[in-house]
N, C-alpha and C. Protein backbone atom coordinates (compact mmCIF):
# COMPACT_ATOMS: atom_id res chain seq x y z
N MET A 1 59.00 14.29 7.68
CA MET A 1 58.03 13.04 7.74
C MET A 1 56.53 13.22 6.70
N ASN A 2 56.05 12.09 6.60
CA ASN A 2 55.59 11.17 5.64
C ASN A 2 54.01 12.35 6.01
N THR A 3 53.09 12.24 5.95
CA THR A 3 51.71 12.10 5.95
C THR A 3 50.60 11.35 5.46
N PRO A 4 49.77 10.16 6.33
CA PRO A 4 49.04 9.12 4.89
C PRO A 4 48.20 9.37 4.53
N GLU A 5 47.98 9.13 2.93
CA GLU A 5 47.10 9.80 1.78
C GLU A 5 45.83 8.84 3.03
N PRO A 6 45.17 9.96 2.42
CA PRO A 6 43.20 9.55 3.08
C PRO A 6 42.98 8.21 2.92
N ARG A 7 41.72 7.74 3.70
CA ARG A 7 41.67 7.31 3.21
C ARG A 7 40.58 7.77 1.98
N LYS A 8 40.06 6.69 0.53
CA LYS A 8 39.06 7.17 0.41
C LYS A 8 37.94 5.72 0.32
N ILE A 9 36.69 6.53 -0.23
CA ILE A 9 36.03 5.24 -0.29
C ILE A 9 34.51 5.46 -1.49
N THR A 10 34.74 5.36 -1.99
CA THR A 10 32.94 4.87 -2.90
C THR A 10 31.89 5.17 -1.84
N PHE A 11 30.58 5.66 -2.99
CA PHE A 11 29.78 6.18 -2.46
C PHE A 11 28.96 4.56 -2.11
N HIS A 12 28.73 3.17 -2.94
CA HIS A 12 28.32 1.76 -2.80
C HIS A 12 29.19 1.60 -1.32
N GLU A 13 30.51 1.58 -1.17
CA GLU A 13 31.39 1.27 -0.03
C GLU A 13 30.67 2.33 1.22
N PHE A 14 30.63 3.13 1.10
CA PHE A 14 29.68 3.92 2.61
C PHE A 14 28.59 3.76 2.81
N VAL A 15 27.56 3.98 1.12
CA VAL A 15 26.30 3.42 1.38
C VAL A 15 26.55 1.67 2.90
N GLY A 16 27.49 0.64 2.19
CA GLY A 16 27.03 -0.71 2.43
C GLY A 16 27.86 -0.51 3.79
N ASP A 17 28.57 0.34 4.58
CA ASP A 17 28.75 0.49 5.45
C ASP A 17 28.23 0.75 6.54
N MET A 18 26.74 1.68 6.39
CA MET A 18 26.22 2.64 6.97
C MET A 18 25.55 1.87 8.34
N HIS A 19 25.69 2.45 9.22
CA HIS A 19 25.22 1.59 10.41
C HIS A 19 25.36 0.45 9.87
N ASP A 20 26.72 0.06 10.42
CA ASP A 20 27.42 -1.20 10.65
C ASP A 20 26.20 -2.10 9.15
N GLY A 21 26.18 -1.77 8.03
CA GLY A 21 25.45 -2.60 7.62
C GLY A 21 24.08 -2.69 7.66
N ALA A 22 23.87 -2.23 8.72
CA ALA A 22 22.15 -1.96 9.15
C ALA A 22 21.43 -1.24 7.47
N PHE A 23 22.23 -0.46 7.11
CA PHE A 23 20.77 0.58 6.61
C PHE A 23 20.93 -0.61 5.04
N VAL A 24 21.43 -0.66 4.19
CA VAL A 24 21.94 -1.65 3.19
C VAL A 24 21.09 -2.87 3.28
N ARG A 25 20.91 -3.43 4.27
CA ARG A 25 20.04 -5.23 4.73
C ARG A 25 19.15 -4.37 5.03
N GLU A 26 18.18 -3.29 5.30
CA GLU A 26 16.76 -3.33 4.55
C GLU A 26 16.92 -2.48 3.70
N LEU A 27 17.27 -2.11 3.52
CA LEU A 27 17.38 -1.57 1.25
C LEU A 27 16.99 -3.10 0.81
N GLU A 28 18.00 -4.52 1.39
CA GLU A 28 17.49 -5.43 0.47
C GLU A 28 16.91 -5.71 0.71
N ALA A 29 15.57 -6.27 1.71
CA ALA A 29 14.68 -6.49 2.63
C ALA A 29 13.64 -6.30 1.28
N LYS A 30 13.11 -4.62 2.10
CA LYS A 30 12.60 -3.55 0.96
C LYS A 30 12.54 -3.93 -1.04
N HIS A 31 13.57 -4.75 -1.17
CA HIS A 31 13.62 -5.00 -2.50
C HIS A 31 13.54 -5.89 -2.73
N LYS A 32 13.39 -7.33 -1.57
CA LYS A 32 12.87 -8.15 -2.00
C LYS A 32 10.76 -8.59 -2.05
N GLU A 33 10.68 -7.43 -1.37
CA GLU A 33 9.82 -7.16 -1.18
C GLU A 33 8.92 -6.64 -2.30
N ALA A 34 8.93 -6.10 -2.02
CA ALA A 34 8.82 -5.54 -3.75
C ALA A 34 8.59 -5.91 -4.85
N LEU A 35 9.75 -7.01 -4.57
CA LEU A 35 9.74 -7.90 -6.14
C LEU A 35 8.45 -8.96 -6.07
N ALA A 36 8.59 -9.83 -4.76
CA ALA A 36 7.86 -10.95 -4.11
C ALA A 36 6.70 -9.96 -4.79
N HIS A 37 5.84 -9.48 -4.18
CA HIS A 37 5.02 -8.95 -3.99
C HIS A 37 4.15 -8.48 -5.29
N LEU A 38 5.37 -8.10 -6.24
CA LEU A 38 4.80 -7.61 -7.56
C LEU A 38 4.39 -9.44 -8.43
N MET A 39 5.88 -10.08 -8.35
CA MET A 39 5.68 -11.34 -9.08
C MET A 39 4.06 -12.01 -8.54
N ASN A 40 3.25 -11.73 -7.60
CA ASN A 40 2.40 -12.59 -6.98
C ASN A 40 1.17 -11.65 -7.06
N LYS A 41 1.23 -10.51 -7.61
CA LYS A 41 0.02 -9.12 -7.38
C LYS A 41 0.11 -8.12 -9.35
N ARG A 42 1.38 -8.19 -9.51
CA ARG A 42 1.72 -7.52 -10.65
C ARG A 42 1.47 -6.69 -10.31
N GLY A 43 1.58 -5.11 -11.48
CA GLY A 43 1.35 -3.73 -10.96
C GLY A 43 3.50 -3.26 -11.16
N LYS A 44 2.78 -2.08 -10.08
CA LYS A 44 4.57 -1.54 -9.98
C LYS A 44 4.37 -1.16 -8.71
N ALA A 45 5.74 -1.20 -7.97
CA ALA A 45 6.54 -0.44 -6.66
C ALA A 45 7.78 0.23 -6.92
N GLU A 46 7.35 1.42 -6.06
CA GLU A 46 8.28 2.14 -6.04
C GLU A 46 9.14 1.99 -4.28
N LEU A 47 10.26 2.51 -4.65
CA LEU A 47 11.08 2.17 -3.50
C LEU A 47 12.09 3.51 -3.20
N THR A 48 12.14 4.25 -2.09
CA THR A 48 12.67 5.85 -2.11
C THR A 48 13.40 6.02 -1.68
N LEU A 49 14.89 6.32 -1.61
CA LEU A 49 16.00 6.48 -1.28
C LEU A 49 16.82 7.74 -1.45
N LYS A 50 16.55 8.40 0.56
CA LYS A 50 16.53 9.27 -0.20
C LYS A 50 18.24 10.33 1.75
N PHE A 51 18.27 10.86 1.20
CA PHE A 51 20.10 11.59 1.77
C PHE A 51 19.35 12.43 1.91
N THR A 52 19.49 13.58 3.27
CA THR A 52 20.23 15.21 3.63
C THR A 52 21.43 14.86 3.58
N TYR A 53 21.90 16.36 3.07
CA TYR A 53 23.48 16.75 3.48
C TYR A 53 23.40 17.73 3.39
N THR A 54 24.16 18.08 4.70
CA THR A 54 25.01 19.05 5.77
C THR A 54 25.86 19.16 6.44
N PRO A 55 26.02 20.44 6.12
CA PRO A 55 27.42 20.79 6.42
C PRO A 55 27.89 20.85 7.28
N ALA A 56 29.32 20.29 8.00
CA ALA A 56 29.87 20.09 9.51
C ALA A 56 31.63 20.05 9.08
N GLY A 57 31.28 21.60 9.50
CA GLY A 57 32.12 22.29 9.51
C GLY A 57 33.06 23.08 8.23
N ASP A 58 34.62 22.38 8.38
CA ASP A 58 35.22 23.59 7.61
C ASP A 58 35.68 22.67 5.79
N ASN A 59 35.32 21.42 6.17
CA ASN A 59 35.72 20.54 4.96
C ASN A 59 34.43 18.87 5.08
N GLY A 60 33.85 19.14 5.95
CA GLY A 60 33.19 17.78 6.68
C GLY A 60 31.63 17.90 5.71
N VAL A 61 31.22 16.51 6.42
CA VAL A 61 29.71 16.77 5.34
C VAL A 61 28.97 15.07 5.84
N ASN A 62 27.74 15.83 6.48
CA ASN A 62 26.91 14.35 7.81
C ASN A 62 25.68 14.15 6.45
N ILE A 63 25.93 12.88 6.18
CA ILE A 63 24.83 12.74 5.31
C ILE A 63 23.56 11.68 6.03
N GLN A 64 22.42 12.12 6.40
CA GLN A 64 21.44 11.59 7.31
C GLN A 64 20.95 11.30 5.98
N PRO A 65 19.94 9.22 6.34
CA PRO A 65 19.19 9.00 5.62
C PRO A 65 18.42 8.94 6.19
N ALA A 66 17.58 9.07 5.09
CA ALA A 66 15.74 9.07 5.27
C ALA A 66 14.93 7.31 5.43
N PRO A 67 14.39 7.14 6.47
CA PRO A 67 14.16 6.34 6.40
C PRO A 67 13.85 5.52 4.74
N ILE A 68 13.64 4.13 4.60
CA ILE A 68 13.30 4.05 3.37
C ILE A 68 12.27 3.66 2.19
N GLY A 69 11.38 4.28 1.79
CA GLY A 69 10.17 4.02 1.75
C GLY A 69 9.72 3.45 0.14
N LEU A 70 8.71 2.37 1.04
CA LEU A 70 8.45 2.06 -0.41
C LEU A 70 6.87 1.25 -0.31
N LYS A 71 6.81 2.02 -1.35
CA LYS A 71 4.52 1.50 -1.98
C LYS A 71 4.50 0.77 -2.74
N LEU A 72 3.40 0.08 -3.17
CA LEU A 72 3.02 -1.18 -2.85
C LEU A 72 1.68 -1.40 -3.60
N PRO A 73 1.51 -1.33 -4.81
CA PRO A 73 0.20 -1.82 -5.07
C PRO A 73 -1.21 -1.82 -3.64
N ALA A 74 -1.78 -1.52 -3.85
CA ALA A 74 -3.00 -1.59 -2.87
C ALA A 74 -3.80 -2.68 -3.00
N LYS A 75 -3.72 -3.63 -2.54
CA LYS A 75 -4.45 -4.84 -2.47
C LYS A 75 -5.81 -5.02 -3.31
N SER A 76 -6.29 -5.77 -3.99
CA SER A 76 -7.32 -5.81 -4.77
C SER A 76 -8.43 -6.43 -4.54
N MET A 77 -9.88 -5.33 -3.82
CA MET A 77 -10.85 -6.51 -3.38
C MET A 77 -11.53 -5.62 -4.59
N ARG A 78 -12.77 -7.14 -4.14
CA ARG A 78 -13.90 -6.64 -5.42
C ARG A 78 -14.69 -5.51 -4.63
N ALA A 79 -15.69 -5.23 -4.79
CA ALA A 79 -16.81 -4.25 -5.22
C ALA A 79 -17.80 -4.86 -4.68
N GLU A 80 -18.47 -4.06 -3.68
CA GLU A 80 -19.57 -4.67 -3.02
C GLU A 80 -20.79 -3.87 -2.37
N PHE A 81 -22.33 -4.62 -3.61
CA PHE A 81 -22.96 -3.40 -3.32
C PHE A 81 -23.77 -3.13 -2.64
N VAL A 82 -24.58 -2.15 -2.09
CA VAL A 82 -25.68 -1.28 -1.19
C VAL A 82 -26.26 -0.35 -1.84
N TYR A 83 -27.31 -0.56 -0.46
CA TYR A 83 -28.68 0.64 -1.70
C TYR A 83 -28.30 1.20 0.06
N ALA A 84 -28.65 2.88 -1.08
CA ALA A 84 -28.70 3.95 0.15
C ALA A 84 -29.57 4.90 0.24
N ASP A 85 -30.00 5.33 1.66
CA ASP A 85 -31.13 6.72 1.29
C ASP A 85 -30.45 7.69 1.01
N ASP A 86 -30.56 9.01 1.66
CA ASP A 86 -30.78 10.26 0.95
C ASP A 86 -29.85 10.01 2.58
N ASN A 87 -30.16 9.71 3.59
CA ASN A 87 -28.81 10.23 5.10
C ASN A 87 -28.01 9.22 5.06
N GLY A 88 -27.44 9.30 4.51
CA GLY A 88 -26.26 7.88 3.68
C GLY A 88 -26.86 6.63 4.61
N GLN A 89 -27.70 5.98 4.71
CA GLN A 89 -27.60 4.98 5.72
C GLN A 89 -28.19 4.33 4.41
N SER A 90 -27.19 2.48 5.02
CA SER A 90 -26.40 1.75 4.05
C SER A 90 -27.73 0.36 3.96
N TYR A 91 -28.12 -0.19 2.87
CA TYR A 91 -29.61 -0.96 3.43
C TYR A 91 -28.98 -2.82 2.09
N LEU A 92 -28.93 -3.43 2.53
CA LEU A 92 -28.96 -5.08 2.19
C LEU A 92 -30.13 -4.72 1.39
N ASP A 93 -30.73 -4.41 1.66
CA ASP A 93 -32.55 -4.75 0.82
C ASP A 93 -32.92 -2.61 0.02
N ASP A 94 -33.15 -2.41 -1.68
CA ASP A 94 -33.83 -1.82 -1.51
C ASP A 94 -34.89 -0.83 -1.10
N PRO A 95 -34.68 -0.24 0.04
CA PRO A 95 -35.49 0.96 0.70
C PRO A 95 -36.73 1.21 -0.08
N ASN A 96 -36.62 0.98 -1.07
CA ASN A 96 -38.18 2.10 -2.06
C ASN A 96 -38.70 0.76 -2.39
N GLN A 97 -38.39 -0.35 -2.52
CA GLN A 97 -39.01 -1.33 -3.15
C GLN A 97 -40.53 -1.40 -1.65
N THR A 98 -41.44 -1.44 -2.69
CA THR A 98 -42.93 -2.31 -1.57
C THR A 98 -42.59 -3.46 -1.66
N GLU A 99 -43.34 -3.66 -0.96
CA GLU A 99 -43.72 -5.52 -0.49
C GLU A 99 -45.04 -5.50 -2.14
N LEU A 100 -45.35 -6.46 -3.08
CA LEU A 100 -46.30 -6.89 -3.80
C LEU A 100 -46.87 -8.11 -3.04
N PRO A 101 -48.54 -6.96 -3.15
CA PRO A 101 -49.87 -7.79 -2.17
C PRO A 101 -49.74 -9.06 -3.34
N PHE A 102 -49.35 -10.82 -2.61
CA PHE A 102 -49.42 -11.61 -2.98
C PHE A 102 -50.64 -13.03 -1.59
N THR A 103 -50.58 -13.66 -2.87
CA THR A 103 -51.67 -14.63 -1.76
C THR A 103 -51.65 -16.08 -1.89
N ILE A 104 -51.45 -16.41 -0.99
CA ILE A 104 -51.23 -18.49 -1.32
C ILE A 104 -52.84 -18.74 -1.64
N ILE A 105 -52.20 -19.18 -2.84
CA ILE A 105 -53.64 -20.26 -3.24
C ILE A 105 -53.77 -21.25 -3.18
N PRO A 106 -54.37 -22.32 -2.34
CA PRO A 106 -54.33 -23.45 -2.51
C PRO A 106 -54.01 -24.35 -3.91
N GLY A 107 -53.08 -25.25 -3.06
CA GLY A 107 -51.94 -26.26 -3.88
C GLY A 107 -51.12 -25.42 -3.90
N GLY A 108 -50.18 -24.21 -3.64
CA GLY A 108 -48.93 -24.11 -3.12
C GLY A 108 -48.58 -22.48 -4.31
N SER A 109 -49.48 -22.39 -6.12
CA SER A 109 -48.32 -21.49 -6.18
C SER A 109 -49.39 -20.43 -5.93
N LYS A 110 -47.94 -19.30 -6.05
CA LYS A 110 -48.87 -17.30 -5.82
C LYS A 110 -49.66 -16.94 -6.48
N LYS A 111 -50.64 -16.27 -6.50
CA LYS A 111 -51.25 -15.39 -6.97
C LYS A 111 -51.10 -14.30 -6.74
N ALA A 112 -51.33 -12.65 -7.49
CA ALA A 112 -51.58 -11.43 -6.93
C ALA A 112 -52.96 -11.69 -6.81
N ALA A 113 -52.56 -10.60 -5.48
CA ALA A 113 -54.53 -10.38 -4.53
C ALA A 113 -55.07 -9.49 -5.59
N SER A 114 -54.35 -9.26 -6.65
CA SER A 114 -55.77 -8.24 -7.52
C SER A 114 -56.76 -9.56 -7.65
N GLY A 115 -56.69 -10.91 -7.92
CA GLY A 115 -57.40 -11.54 -8.36
C GLY A 115 -56.80 -12.31 -9.90
N GLN A 116 -55.43 -11.72 -10.13
CA GLN A 116 -54.92 -11.51 -11.27
C GLN A 116 -55.16 -13.24 -12.01
């Protein structure tokens, strides 16, 4: 009686077949997302694959993929300025700036209240 030869599979074939191809389709989508983001924004991205291997019986192994990780550069935003007091309150105007005393002189020009 002839025993059939066990079917061999490479790692890339195994990954391609995982979850009926869903894993590699997700990997491809994240890969494209990283490339598109970098082409538009520059910077760097990190795509992470992680597999957990656990024994299963005498000569078997369960291979569990973790969710595919994708880190993209944060969106760059310009800084905004506010004034702040000792209590952490923010202001659009300087809370320490006192109002300067001006009076309106006939003819529309401003002159300091001290008569200068």
